[in-house]
Every structure is written in structure tokens, then in C-alpha cells.
C-alpha atoms as a PDB file:
ATOM      1  CA  MET A   1     -15.577 -25.748 -21.082  1.00  0.00           C
ATOM      2  CA  ALA A   2     -14.448 -25.961 -17.454  1.00  0.00           C
ATOM      3  CA  PRO A   3     -16.869 -24.466 -14.920  1.00  0.00           C
ATOM      4  CA  LYS A   4     -16.026 -21.048 -13.549  1.00  0.00           C
ATOM      5  CA  PRO A   5     -14.726 -20.835  -9.975  1.00  0.00           C
ATOM      6  CA  THR A   6     -17.259 -19.926  -7.329  1.00  0.00           C
ATOM      7  CA  ILE A   7     -14.576 -18.733  -4.876  1.00  0.00           C
ATOM      8  CA  TYR A   8     -12.050 -16.034  -5.728  1.00  0.00           C
ATOM      9  CA  LEU A   9      -9.435 -15.468  -3.013  1.00  0.00           C
ATOM     10  CA  PHE A  10      -7.454 -12.276  -3.618  1.00  0.00           C
ATOM     11  CA  HIS A  11      -4.879 -11.437  -0.956  1.00  0.00           C
ATOM     12  CA  GLY A  12      -1.953  -9.073  -0.479  1.00  0.00           C
ATOM     13  CA  ASP A  13      -1.000  -5.553   0.577  1.00  0.00           C
ATOM     14  CA  ASP A  14      -1.248  -4.051  -2.930  1.00  0.00           C
ATOM     15  CA  ALA A  15      -4.674  -2.432  -2.440  1.00  0.00           C
ATOM     16  CA  LEU A  16      -4.689  -1.001  -5.959  1.00  0.00           C
ATOM     17  CA  SER A  17      -4.219  -4.378  -7.642  1.00  0.00           C
ATOM     18  CA  LEU A  18      -6.753  -6.011  -5.319  1.00  0.00           C
ATOM     19  CA  GLU A  19      -9.413  -3.492  -6.259  1.00  0.00           C
ATOM     20  CA  GLU A  20      -8.570  -3.762  -9.956  1.00  0.00           C
ATOM     21  CA  ALA A  21      -8.890  -7.548  -9.788  1.00  0.00           C
ATOM     22  CA  VAL A  22     -12.379  -7.157  -8.326  1.00  0.00           C
ATOM     23  CA  ASP A  23     -13.302  -4.480 -10.876  1.00  0.00           C
ATOM     24  CA  GLY A  24     -12.191  -6.823 -13.649  1.00  0.00           C
ATOM     25  CA  LEU A  25     -14.623  -9.491 -12.466  1.00  0.00           C
ATOM     26  CA  ILE A  26     -17.447  -6.980 -12.308  1.00  0.00           C
ATOM     27  CA  LYS A  27     -16.710  -5.576 -15.776  1.00  0.00           C
ATOM     28  CA  ARG A  28     -16.834  -9.074 -17.243  1.00  0.00           C
ATOM     29  CA  GLN A  29     -20.481  -9.137 -16.222  1.00  0.00           C
ATOM     30  CA  GLY A  30     -21.186  -6.935 -19.223  1.00  0.00           C
ATOM     31  CA  ASP A  31     -23.700  -4.106 -18.921  1.00  0.00           C
ATOM     32  CA  PRO A  32     -22.588  -1.848 -16.012  1.00  0.00           C
ATOM     33  CA  ALA A  33     -26.130  -1.273 -14.784  1.00  0.00           C
ATOM     34  CA  ASN A  34     -26.855  -5.014 -14.589  1.00  0.00           C
ATOM     35  CA  ALA A  35     -23.476  -5.641 -13.014  1.00  0.00           C
ATOM     36  CA  ALA A  36     -24.205  -3.082 -10.291  1.00  0.00           C
ATOM     37  CA  MET A  37     -27.557  -4.734  -9.518  1.00  0.00           C
ATOM     38  CA  ASN A  38     -25.858  -8.106  -9.182  1.00  0.00           C
ATOM     39  CA  THR A  39     -22.969  -7.027  -6.963  1.00  0.00           C
ATOM     40  CA  GLN A  40     -22.990  -6.831  -3.170  1.00  0.00           C
ATOM     41  CA  ARG A  41     -20.157  -5.858  -0.851  1.00  0.00           C
ATOM     42  CA  PHE A  42     -19.618  -6.935   2.755  1.00  0.00           C
ATOM     43  CA  SER A  43     -16.884  -6.784   5.388  1.00  0.00           C
ATOM     44  CA  THR A  44     -16.514  -8.992   8.429  1.00  0.00           C
ATOM     45  CA  ASP A  45     -16.066  -5.742  10.380  1.00  0.00           C
ATOM     46  CA  SER A  46     -19.835  -5.254  10.221  1.00  0.00           C
ATOM     47  CA  ALA A  47     -21.520  -8.162   8.389  1.00  0.00           C
ATOM     48  CA  ASP A  48     -22.744 -11.415   9.897  1.00  0.00           C
ATOM     49  CA  LEU A  49     -22.432 -14.806   8.227  1.00  0.00           C
ATOM     50  CA  PRO A  50     -26.214 -15.149   7.630  1.00  0.00           C
ATOM     51  CA  ASP A  51     -26.206 -11.845   5.696  1.00  0.00           C
ATOM     52  CA  VAL A  52     -23.474 -13.096   3.381  1.00  0.00           C
ATOM     53  CA  ALA A  53     -25.134 -16.510   3.025  1.00  0.00           C
ATOM     54  CA  GLN A  54     -28.409 -14.873   2.014  1.00  0.00           C
ATOM     55  CA  ALA A  55     -26.684 -12.746  -0.615  1.00  0.00           C
ATOM     56  CA  CYS A  56     -24.878 -15.807  -2.005  1.00  0.00           C
ATOM     57  CA  ALA A  57     -28.152 -17.760  -2.273  1.00  0.00           C
ATOM     58  CA  ALA A  58     -29.982 -15.045  -4.216  1.00  0.00           C
ATOM     59  CA  LEU A  59     -30.448 -15.591  -7.946  1.00  0.00           C
ATOM     60  CA  PRO A  60     -28.845 -13.169 -10.414  1.00  0.00           C
ATOM     61  CA  PHE A  61     -31.119 -10.675 -12.150  1.00  0.00           C
ATOM     62  CA  LEU A  62     -30.725 -10.412 -15.940  1.00  0.00           C
ATOM     63  CA  ALA A  63     -27.172 -11.749 -15.647  1.00  0.00           C
ATOM     64  CA  ASP A  64     -25.357 -15.082 -15.517  1.00  0.00           C
ATOM     65  CA  ARG A  65     -23.887 -14.579 -12.068  1.00  0.00           C
ATOM     66  CA  ARG A  66     -24.081 -12.614  -8.857  1.00  0.00           C
ATOM     67  CA  ILE A  67     -20.874 -11.272  -7.354  1.00  0.00           C
ATOM     68  CA  VAL A  68     -20.621 -11.149  -3.582  1.00  0.00           C
ATOM     69  CA  ILE A  69     -17.517  -9.405  -2.222  1.00  0.00           C
ATOM     70  CA  LEU A  70     -16.370 -10.098   1.325  1.00  0.00           C
ATOM     71  CA  LYS A  71     -13.429  -8.254   2.870  1.00  0.00           C
ATOM     72  CA  LYS A  72     -11.343  -9.712   5.720  1.00  0.00           C
ATOM     73  CA  ALA A  73     -12.921 -13.164   5.495  1.00  0.00           C
ATOM     74  CA  GLY A  74      -9.897 -14.625   7.251  1.00  0.00           C
ATOM     75  CA  ARG A  75     -11.248 -13.287  10.546  1.00  0.00           C
ATOM     76  CA  TRP A  76     -14.016 -15.887  10.415  1.00  0.00           C
ATOM     77  CA  ALA A  77     -11.424 -18.649  10.225  1.00  0.00           C
ATOM     78  CA  GLY A  78     -10.246 -17.809  13.734  1.00  0.00           C
ATOM     79  CA  ASP A  79     -13.487 -18.941  15.399  1.00  0.00           C
ATOM     80  CA  SER A  80     -13.986 -22.701  15.152  1.00  0.00           C
ATOM     81  CA  ASP A  81     -17.793 -22.625  15.168  1.00  0.00           C
ATOM     82  CA  ARG A  82     -18.068 -19.757  12.703  1.00  0.00           C
ATOM     83  CA  TRP A  83     -15.321 -21.257  10.512  1.00  0.00           C
ATOM     84  CA  SER A  84     -17.212 -24.547  10.347  1.00  0.00           C
ATOM     85  CA  ARG A  85     -20.377 -22.750   9.192  1.00  0.00           C
ATOM     86  CA  PHE A  86     -18.394 -20.603   6.768  1.00  0.00           C
ATOM     87  CA  GLN A  87     -16.816 -23.691   5.206  1.00  0.00           C
ATOM     88  CA  SER A  88     -20.304 -25.131   4.686  1.00  0.00           C
ATOM     89  CA  LEU A  89     -21.233 -21.958   2.822  1.00  0.00           C
ATOM     90  CA  LEU A  90     -18.098 -22.134   0.663  1.00  0.00           C
ATOM     91  CA  GLU A  91     -18.758 -25.762  -0.228  1.00  0.00           C
ATOM     92  CA  THR A  92     -22.402 -25.239  -1.200  1.00  0.00           C
ATOM     93  CA  LEU A  93     -22.238 -22.079  -3.285  1.00  0.00           C
ATOM     94  CA  PRO A  94     -24.424 -22.212  -6.396  1.00  0.00           C
ATOM     95  CA  ALA A  95     -22.701 -21.909  -9.764  1.00  0.00           C
ATOM     96  CA  SER A  96     -24.590 -18.638 -10.276  1.00  0.00           C
ATOM     97  CA  THR A  97     -22.610 -16.959  -7.469  1.00  0.00           C
ATOM     98  CA  ALA A  98     -19.032 -15.736  -7.410  1.00  0.00           C
ATOM     99  CA  LEU A  99     -17.892 -15.117  -3.843  1.00  0.00           C
ATOM    100  CA  VAL A 100     -14.840 -12.835  -3.839  1.00  0.00           C
ATOM    101  CA  LEU A 101     -12.786 -12.980  -0.647  1.00  0.00           C
ATOM    102  CA  ILE A 102     -10.414 -10.059  -0.174  1.00  0.00           C
ATOM    103  CA  GLU A 103      -7.595 -10.158   2.370  1.00  0.00           C
ATOM    104  CA  PRO A 104      -5.604  -6.872   2.714  1.00  0.00           C
ATOM    105  CA  THR A 105      -2.415  -8.729   3.683  1.00  0.00           C
ATOM    106  CA  LEU A 106      -0.498 -11.635   2.210  1.00  0.00           C
ATOM    107  CA  LEU A 107      -1.799 -14.864   3.720  1.00  0.00           C
ATOM    108  CA  SER A 108       0.735 -17.284   5.160  1.00  0.00           C
ATOM    109  CA  GLU A 109       0.820 -20.926   4.191  1.00  0.00           C
ATOM    110  CA  LYS A 110      -0.700 -21.657   7.613  1.00  0.00           C
ATOM    111  CA  SER A 111      -3.828 -19.635   6.822  1.00  0.00           C
ATOM    112  CA  ALA A 112      -6.937 -21.804   7.164  1.00  0.00           C
ATOM    113  CA  LEU A 113      -8.619 -19.841   4.389  1.00  0.00           C
ATOM    114  CA  LEU A 114      -5.711 -20.315   1.994  1.00  0.00           C
ATOM    115  CA  LYS A 115      -5.460 -24.012   2.870  1.00  0.00           C
ATOM    116  CA  TRP A 116      -9.170 -24.466   2.154  1.00  0.00           C
ATOM    117  CA  ALA A 117      -8.892 -22.754  -1.241  1.00  0.00           C
ATOM    118  CA  GLN A 118      -5.830 -24.808  -2.195  1.00  0.00           C
ATOM    119  CA  ALA A 119      -7.661 -27.991  -1.223  1.00  0.00           C
ATOM    120  CA  HIS A 120     -10.564 -27.078  -3.529  1.00  0.00           C
ATOM    121  CA  PRO A 121      -8.837 -26.094  -6.798  1.00  0.00           C
ATOM    122  CA  GLN A 122     -11.903 -26.806  -8.938  1.00  0.00           C
ATOM    123  CA  ALA A 123     -13.990 -24.285  -7.034  1.00  0.00           C
ATOM    124  CA  SER A 124     -11.330 -21.721  -6.161  1.00  0.00           C
ATOM    125  CA  LEU A 125      -9.081 -19.219  -7.884  1.00  0.00           C
ATOM    126  CA  VAL A 126      -6.299 -17.780  -5.699  1.00  0.00           C
ATOM    127  CA  ARG A 127      -4.262 -14.691  -6.587  1.00  0.00           C
ATOM    128  CA  SER A 128      -1.721 -12.835  -4.445  1.00  0.00           C
ATOM    129  CA  TYR A 129      -0.918  -9.161  -4.894  1.00  0.00           C
ATOM    130  CA  ALA A 130       2.156  -7.942  -3.029  1.00  0.00           C
ATOM    131  CA  THR A 131       3.273  -4.333  -3.265  1.00  0.00           C
ATOM    132  CA  PRO A 132       6.560  -4.263  -5.207  1.00  0.00           C
ATOM    133  CA  GLN A 133       9.575  -2.905  -3.364  1.00  0.00           C
ATOM    134  CA  GLY A 134      12.781  -1.114  -4.371  1.00  0.00           C
ATOM    135  CA  GLY A 135      13.815  -1.701  -7.960  1.00  0.00           C
ATOM    136  CA  ASP A 136      10.721  -3.821  -8.525  1.00  0.00           C
ATOM    137  CA  PHE A 137       8.586  -0.785  -7.710  1.00  0.00           C
ATOM    138  CA  ASP A 138      10.478   1.309 -10.247  1.00  0.00           C
ATOM    139  CA  ARG A 139       9.815  -1.339 -12.903  1.00  0.00           C
ATOM    140  CA  TRP A 140       6.169  -1.549 -11.831  1.00  0.00           C
ATOM    141  CA  LEU A 141       5.859   2.212 -12.378  1.00  0.00           C
ATOM    142  CA  ILE A 142       7.295   1.932 -15.885  1.00  0.00           C
ATOM    143  CA  GLN A 143       4.906  -0.904 -16.743  1.00  0.00           C
ATOM    144  CA  ARG A 144       1.979   0.937 -15.184  1.00  0.00           C
ATOM    145  CA  CYS A 145       2.742   4.024 -17.230  1.00  0.00           C
ATOM    146  CA  GLU A 146       2.899   1.987 -20.429  1.00  0.00           C
ATOM    147  CA  ALA A 147      -0.441   0.344 -19.566  1.00  0.00           C
ATOM    148  CA  LYS A 148      -1.954   3.840 -19.367  1.00  0.00           C
ATOM    149  CA  GLY A 149      -0.670   4.620 -22.848  1.00  0.00           C
ATOM    150  CA  GLY A 150       2.334   6.723 -21.854  1.00  0.00           C
ATOM    151  CA  SER A 151       5.972   6.282 -20.920  1.00  0.00           C
ATOM    152  CA  ILE A 152       8.312   7.372 -18.150  1.00  0.00           C
ATOM    153  CA  GLU A 153      12.093   7.608 -18.036  1.00  0.00           C
ATOM    154  CA  PRO A 154      13.791   5.284 -15.495  1.00  0.00           C
ATOM    155  CA  ALA A 155      15.194   8.236 -13.522  1.00  0.00           C
ATOM    156  CA  ALA A 156      11.713   9.741 -13.260  1.00  0.00           C
ATOM    157  CA  ALA A 157      10.267   6.422 -12.112  1.00  0.00           C
ATOM    158  CA  GLN A 158      12.953   6.161  -9.435  1.00  0.00           C
ATOM    159  CA  LEU A 159      12.252   9.684  -8.173  1.00  0.00           C
ATOM    160  CA  LEU A 160       8.500   9.118  -8.093  1.00  0.00           C
ATOM    161  CA  ALA A 161       9.020   5.910  -6.117  1.00  0.00           C
ATOM    162  CA  GLU A 162      11.018   7.897  -3.564  1.00  0.00           C
ATOM    163  CA  LEU A 163       8.419  10.644  -3.282  1.00  0.00           C
ATOM    164  CA  VAL A 164       5.449   8.310  -2.762  1.00  0.00           C
ATOM    165  CA  ALA A 165       7.338   5.913  -0.452  1.00  0.00           C
ATOM    166  CA  ASP A 166       6.424   2.918  -2.652  1.00  0.00           C
ATOM    167  CA  ASP A 167       2.676   3.603  -2.236  1.00  0.00           C
ATOM    168  CA  ALA A 168       1.083   2.038  -5.333  1.00  0.00           C
ATOM    169  CA  GLU A 169      -2.256   3.861  -5.118  1.00  0.00           C
ATOM    170  CA  ARG A 170      -0.616   7.238  -4.646  1.00  0.00           C
ATOM    171  CA  ALA A 171       1.883   6.515  -7.422  1.00  0.00           C
ATOM    172  CA  ASP A 172      -0.950   5.642  -9.797  1.00  0.00           C
ATOM    173  CA  GLN A 173      -2.697   8.937  -9.030  1.00  0.00           C
ATOM    174  CA  GLU A 174       0.504  10.884  -9.588  1.00  0.00           C
ATOM    175  CA  LEU A 175       1.196   9.065 -12.851  1.00  0.00           C
ATOM    176  CA  ALA A 176      -2.246  10.010 -14.167  1.00  0.00           C
ATOM    177  CA  LYS A 177      -1.635  13.652 -13.237  1.00  0.00           C
ATOM    178  CA  VAL A 178       1.799  13.847 -14.857  1.00  0.00           C
ATOM    179  CA  LEU A 179       0.674  11.991 -17.977  1.00  0.00           C
ATOM    180  CA  ASP A 180      -2.049  14.598 -18.412  1.00  0.00           C
ATOM    181  CA  TYR A 181       0.603  17.289 -17.973  1.00  0.00           C
ATOM    182  CA  VAL A 182       2.819  15.900 -20.767  1.00  0.00           C
ATOM    183  CA  ASP A 183      -0.331  15.083 -22.767  1.00  0.00           C
ATOM    184  CA  TYR A 184       1.033  11.576 -23.497  1.00  0.00           C
ATOM    185  CA  ALA A 185       3.200  13.253 -26.156  1.00  0.00           C
ATOM    186  CA  ARG A 186       6.594  12.427 -24.622  1.00  0.00           C
ATOM    187  CA  PRO A 187       8.099  10.361 -21.803  1.00  0.00           C
ATOM    188  CA  ILE A 188       7.732  11.679 -18.263  1.00  0.00           C
ATOM    189  CA  ARG A 189      11.043  13.131 -17.081  1.00  0.00           C
ATOM    190  CA  ALA A 190      12.465  13.628 -13.606  1.00  0.00           C
ATOM    191  CA  GLU A 191      11.907  17.382 -13.830  1.00  0.00           C
ATOM    192  CA  ASP A 192       8.192  16.736 -14.447  1.00  0.00           C
ATOM    193  CA  ILE A 193       8.039  14.693 -11.255  1.00  0.00           C
ATOM    194  CA  GLU A 194       9.872  17.408  -9.304  1.00  0.00           C
ATOM    195  CA  ARG A 195       7.588  20.113 -10.646  1.00  0.00           C
ATOM    196  CA  LEU A 196       4.282  18.347 -10.026  1.00  0.00           C
ATOM    197  CA  THR A 197       4.755  16.012  -7.078  1.00  0.00           C
ATOM    198  CA  ALA A 198       7.705  17.163  -4.969  1.00  0.00           C
ATOM    199  CA  PHE A 199       5.496  18.818  -2.349  1.00  0.00           C
ATOM    200  CA  HIS A 200       3.027  15.956  -2.093  1.00  0.00           C
ATOM    201  CA  GLY A 201       3.971  14.852   1.405  1.00  0.00           C
ATOM    202  CA  GLN A 202       7.678  14.078   0.967  1.00  0.00           C
ATOM    203  CA  ALA A 203       8.711  17.745   0.998  1.00  0.00           C
ATOM    204  CA  ASP A 204       7.086  18.090   4.422  1.00  0.00           C
ATOM    205  CA  VAL A 205       9.040  15.054   5.617  1.00  0.00           C
ATOM    206  CA  PHE A 206      12.252  16.753   4.473  1.00  0.00           C
ATOM    207  CA  GLU A 207      11.178  19.839   6.445  1.00  0.00           C
ATOM    208  CA  VAL A 208      10.443  17.784   9.567  1.00  0.00           C
ATOM    209  CA  VAL A 209      13.876  16.163   9.382  1.00  0.00           C
ATOM    210  CA  ASP A 210      15.568  19.507   8.671  1.00  0.00           C
ATOM    211  CA  ALA A 211      13.987  20.948  11.813  1.00  0.00           C
ATOM    212  CA  LEU A 212      14.966  17.881  13.836  1.00  0.00           C
ATOM    213  CA  GLY A 213      18.581  18.228  12.746  1.00  0.00           C
ATOM    214  CA  LYS A 214      18.559  21.872  13.859  1.00  0.00           C
ATOM    215  CA  ARG A 215      16.839  20.888  17.141  1.00  0.00           C
ATOM    216  CA  ASP A 216      13.984  23.235  16.204  1.00  0.00           C
ATOM    217  CA  ALA A 217      11.131  21.509  18.034  1.00  0.00           C
ATOM    218  CA  ARG A 218       8.545  24.154  17.223  1.00  0.00           C
ATOM    219  CA  THR A 219       9.042  23.935  13.452  1.00  0.00           C
ATOM    220  CA  ALA A 220       9.383  20.135  13.463  1.00  0.00           C
ATOM    221  CA  LEU A 221       6.118  19.681  15.362  1.00  0.00           C
ATOM    222  CA  ALA A 222       4.291  22.215  13.170  1.00  0.00           C
ATOM    223  CA  ARG A 223       5.424  20.466   9.970  1.00  0.00           C
ATOM    224  CA  LEU A 224       4.538  17.049  11.391  1.00  0.00           C
ATOM    225  CA  GLN A 225       1.096  18.259  12.428  1.00  0.00           C
ATOM    226  CA  ARG A 226       0.492  19.588   8.919  1.00  0.00           C
ATOM    227  CA  LEU A 227       1.491  16.245   7.483  1.00  0.00           C
ATOM    228  CA  LEU A 228      -0.807  14.325   9.815  1.00  0.00           C
ATOM    229  CA  GLU A 229      -3.724  16.601   8.912  1.00  0.00           C
ATOM    230  CA  ASP A 230      -3.292  15.952   5.199  1.00  0.00           C
ATOM    231  CA  GLU A 231      -2.066  12.357   5.124  1.00  0.00           C
ATOM    232  CA  ASP A 232      -2.801   9.006   6.745  1.00  0.00           C
ATOM    233  CA  ALA A 233      -0.570   8.469   9.796  1.00  0.00           C
ATOM    234  CA  HIS A 234       0.726   5.140   8.456  1.00  0.00           C
ATOM    235  CA  TYR A 235       1.770   6.775   5.177  1.00  0.00           C
ATOM    236  CA  VAL A 236       3.565   9.538   7.103  1.00  0.00           C
ATOM    237  CA  PHE A 237       5.249   6.906   9.268  1.00  0.00           C
ATOM    238  CA  ALA A 238       6.408   4.952   6.213  1.00  0.00           C
ATOM    239  CA  MET A 239       7.982   8.086   4.719  1.00  0.00           C
ATOM    240  CA  ILE A 240       9.723   8.974   7.998  1.00  0.00           C
ATOM    241  CA  ILE A 241      11.143   5.454   8.384  1.00  0.00           C
ATOM    242  CA  ARG A 242      12.374   5.529   4.799  1.00  0.00           C
ATOM    243  CA  GLN A 243      13.982   8.929   5.328  1.00  0.00           C
ATOM    244  CA  PHE A 244      15.859   7.893   8.457  1.00  0.00           C
ATOM    245  CA  ARG A 245      16.987   4.638   6.838  1.00  0.00           C
ATOM    246  CA  LEU A 246      18.541   6.723   4.061  1.00  0.00           C
ATOM    247  CA  LEU A 247      20.038   9.161   6.573  1.00  0.00           C
ATOM    248  CA  LEU A 248      21.608   6.320   8.530  1.00  0.00           C
ATOM    249  CA  ARG A 249      23.244   4.899   5.407  1.00  0.00           C
ATOM    250  CA  ALA A 250      24.396   8.350   4.310  1.00  0.00           C
ATOM    251  CA  ARG A 251      25.919   9.079   7.735  1.00  0.00           C
ATOM    252  CA  GLU A 252      27.724   5.717   7.680  1.00  0.00           C
ATOM    253  CA  ALA A 253      29.160   6.597   4.269  1.00  0.00           C
ATOM    254  CA  LEU A 254      30.280  10.041   5.408  1.00  0.00           C
ATOM    255  CA  ASP A 255      31.968   8.595   8.504  1.00  0.00           C
ATOM    256  CA  ALA A 256      33.778   6.089   6.284  1.00  0.00           C
ATOM    257  CA  GLY A 257      35.060   8.870   4.036  1.00  0.00           C
ATOM    258  CA  LEU A 258      32.746   7.931   1.163  1.00  0.00           C
ATOM    259  CA  ALA A 259      30.261   9.953  -0.837  1.00  0.00           C
ATOM    260  CA  PRO A 260      26.677   8.843  -0.024  1.00  0.00           C
ATOM    261  CA  ALA A 261      26.043   8.624  -3.770  1.00  0.00           C
ATOM    262  CA  GLN A 262      28.344   5.578  -3.780  1.00  0.00           C
ATOM    263  CA  THR A 263      26.108   3.663  -1.374  1.00  0.00           C
ATOM    264  CA  LEU A 264      22.585   5.006  -1.967  1.00  0.00           C
ATOM    265  CA  SER A 265      20.632   3.677  -4.941  1.00  0.00           C
ATOM    266  CA  VAL A 266      18.184   6.572  -5.095  1.00  0.00           C
ATOM    267  CA  HIS A 267      17.622   9.555  -7.343  1.00  0.00           C
ATOM    268  CA  PRO A 268      20.309  12.314  -7.281  1.00  0.00           C
ATOM    269  CA  VAL A 269      17.734  14.835  -6.022  1.00  0.00           C
ATOM    270  CA  VAL A 270      17.099  12.637  -2.964  1.00  0.00           C
ATOM    271  CA  ILE A 271      20.820  11.898  -2.463  1.00  0.00           C
ATOM    272  CA  ARG A 272      21.631  15.607  -2.372  1.00  0.00           C
ATOM    273  CA  LYS A 273      18.974  16.356   0.235  1.00  0.00           C
ATOM    274  CA  VAL A 274      19.763  13.299   2.367  1.00  0.00           C
ATOM    275  CA  THR A 275      23.477  14.131   2.362  1.00  0.00           C
ATOM    276  CA  GLU A 276      22.769  17.666   3.583  1.00  0.00           C
ATOM    277  CA  GLN A 277      20.529  16.367   6.358  1.00  0.00           C
ATOM    278  CA  ALA A 278      22.885  13.581   7.448  1.00  0.00           C
ATOM    279  CA  ARG A 279      25.499  16.186   8.373  1.00  0.00           C
ATOM    280  CA  ASN A 280      23.126  17.467  11.077  1.00  0.00           C
ATOM    281  CA  PHE A 281      23.137  14.145  12.953  1.00  0.00           C
ATOM    282  CA  SER A 282      25.764  11.906  14.485  1.00  0.00           C
ATOM    283  CA  LEU A 283      25.695   8.203  13.691  1.00  0.00           C
ATOM    284  CA  ASP A 284      24.720   7.507  17.299  1.00  0.00           C
ATOM    285  CA  ASP A 285      21.793   9.965  17.030  1.00  0.00           C
ATOM    286  CA  LEU A 286      20.483   8.258  13.908  1.00  0.00           C
ATOM    287  CA  GLU A 287      20.846   4.749  15.310  1.00  0.00           C
ATOM    288  CA  LYS A 288      18.851   5.738  18.392  1.00  0.00           C
ATOM    289  CA  ILE A 289      16.121   7.397  16.304  1.00  0.00           C
ATOM    290  CA  TYR A 290      15.883   4.441  13.932  1.00  0.00           C
ATOM    291  CA  HIS A 291      15.690   2.007  16.853  1.00  0.00           C
ATOM    292  CA  ARG A 292      12.889   4.101  18.350  1.00  0.00           C
ATOM    293  CA  LEU A 293      11.019   4.053  15.016  1.00  0.00           C
ATOM    294  CA  MET A 294      11.173   0.259  15.029  1.00  0.00           C
ATOM    295  CA  GLU A 295       9.770   0.214  18.571  1.00  0.00           C
ATOM    296  CA  ILE A 296       6.899   2.465  17.464  1.00  0.00           C
ATOM    297  CA  ASP A 297       6.251   0.153  14.520  1.00  0.00           C
ATOM    298  CA  LEU A 298       5.992  -2.893  16.796  1.00  0.00           C
ATOM    299  CA  ALA A 299       3.737  -1.049  19.244  1.00  0.00           C
ATOM    300  CA  ASP A 300       1.481   0.107  16.418  1.00  0.00           C
ATOM    301  CA  LYS A 301       1.160  -3.395  14.955  1.00  0.00           C
ATOM    302  CA  SER A 302       0.203  -4.762  18.378  1.00  0.00           C
ATOM    303  CA  SER A 303      -2.271  -1.871  18.916  1.00  0.00           C
ATOM    304  CA  GLN A 304      -0.373  -0.693  21.987  1.00  0.00           C
ATOM    305  CA  THR A 305      -0.143   2.935  20.895  1.00  0.00           C
ATOM    306  CA  GLN A 306      -1.758   5.615  18.742  1.00  0.00           C
ATOM    307  CA  LEU A 307       0.626   6.121  15.842  1.00  0.00           C
ATOM    308  CA  ASP A 308       0.144   9.869  15.431  1.00  0.00           C
ATOM    309  CA  THR A 309       0.637  10.439  19.174  1.00  0.00           C
ATOM    310  CA  ALA A 310       3.803   8.318  19.154  1.00  0.00           C
ATOM    311  CA  LEU A 311       5.215  10.291  16.216  1.00  0.00           C
ATOM    312  CA  VAL A 312       4.560  13.616  17.939  1.00  0.00           C
ATOM    313  CA  ALA A 313       6.266  12.313  21.094  1.00  0.00           C
ATOM    314  CA  LEU A 314       9.279  11.123  19.086  1.00  0.00           C
ATOM    315  CA  VAL A 315       9.713  14.452  17.321  1.00  0.00           C
ATOM    316  CA  ALA A 316       9.374  16.371  20.570  1.00  0.00           C
ATOM    317  CA  ALA A 317      11.990  14.155  22.246  1.00  0.00           C
ATOM    318  CA  VAL A 318      14.508  14.337  19.391  1.00  0.00           C
ATOM    319  CA  ALA A 319      14.205  18.071  18.822  1.00  0.00           C
ATOM    320  CA  GLY A 320      13.750  19.049  22.460  1.00  0.00           C
END
């Protein structure tokens, strides 16, 4: 039998799948109580290399292996001295330790950490977990529902994808809720999604955009503030970008004398609402707003602005 890897490199922006991959390793330890005693978690945000090295050197207790989980290990590859010491740790891990390296983004082929793992295939297992997009996300929802022991109609999967803005963790939570509602006795339908999830964030985005189209700054800012109180700013931002991308395409269709339904591959419920909202904006308005959203995205990724503050400023400027 081939020896088990000592390094597990899991990377990607699908946080749900990353966590499930780690949970799978832990569950294979057997008894949950023993597994908990033999599992330690670290992050390079707060841990030092000696702390991780000490945990990796410790012997397992009443188990075959210890599992040491380290988030954002790629940060240590950016410092030559620390990277050299980290490589020494990776190359000298005992067989009784499984070091799980979790990267919350997809690593590029230039990543020193990925290159190291690929150069040591006997010791390493590499898995990437990218969040599915578009039609792939719809299919992922259908497969996820089946894995939970239920089923969902394609139209319902498409609507749910729209409402959660392709957020896998949120979609999984909503699936569990709706499956309980139908008691696993029948497929989930679009009307079930509308009834149980329509006001989970996306409805507030519709209200923000409605107020923007009417140049009602007070209502738009109030709805945005409510969203930011209940949801992560990056999730809100993703939904707003998605909404204005749809509005832009709908406005282009209307100006070309076409029905938006001919150009938008989204659920009819969303098409109806987007079409109504697109009539409140000119194409020039939407292009300027979308361009500004892209500027905010770049500034956020380079840590040049606070995202929630930038969103409030955008709404105030558009509706003012």
C-alpha cells in the first residue's frame, strides 16, 4: 500500500468545498472525540512557524495521525527566509502528521507553494476548488440537492442561483431549508424558492435599484444600509454588480427593439423585474454606473477603499 500524503494542499474560492474536504479528512480519523484531540488549526494571520512546527512534531494520541490545518500558508512563501524554513518543515514531516494547507483563492502556476507540492508528488495531494459560475452553478445546485437526498427542478435551481449571487455556502443553507419545507417528498420548485428565499438579500438589492432609478436617494440609502447591516459587504457588492450587469444587457436589448428575455439567460421572475428596472435608466447611465462599480472593485482589491463606504457614496451620487 502506498504511503499516505503528509501534505494536503487545498486551494480555491469555493469555501464550502474547502471546508468539506478538511472535514472529510478529520472524519476518516474515526472516533470524533479522538479526532478532535488530534486536530489543530492555525492561520498565518496569527500563528508563527515555530508554533506550527511544534504541532506537526507532536505524536498522535490514540490515533494513527495528527491533523494540522494551516490557512493562508502561501503568505509564508513570500518571505525568502521564512519560506526556506517552511520548506524544511514540509520536507521533514513525520508520517504520523497530515499538514493541511488551505488557500482561499485559486493558486496560479507561478505559486511557490503549488510548485513545491507538484515537485513532491509522493508527499503531496493537491486539490483545487473553484466556485462554479453561470450554468455550472445551476448544475452544481442540482447535484448538491441530490447529494442531500432530494431533488430540485432546473428552473428552481436557476432562480436560487440568481437570488444567492452564486454564493455556494449561502445556496447550501437555502437548499437545506427548502428541502425541509418540501420534506424531501417532491422536487423543489421555483415557487418554493420564491416563497422561502426571495427576501434573503436579493429583494433588498431590487429595492435599492428601484430607488436609484426613481432618484430617491433617501430610500436607496436606507435599503443599502439595511443590507450592509445584515450581510457581508462583499456579498452585497457581488449582488449589486450582478444586478447592474443584467440591467445593462436588458437596456441594450430594449434599445435594439428586442425583448430582454431574448438575451438574458436567467429565470423569468428575474427577467420581469430587471426589465421593469431597466426602463428607469438610460444606456449611458448604466454604462457609467457599471464602470464605477468596476473602479470600486479594483480599489477594494488593492485595499485603497472601504467597500461599504464606497457603496454608500455610489448610491448617494447616482440617486442625488
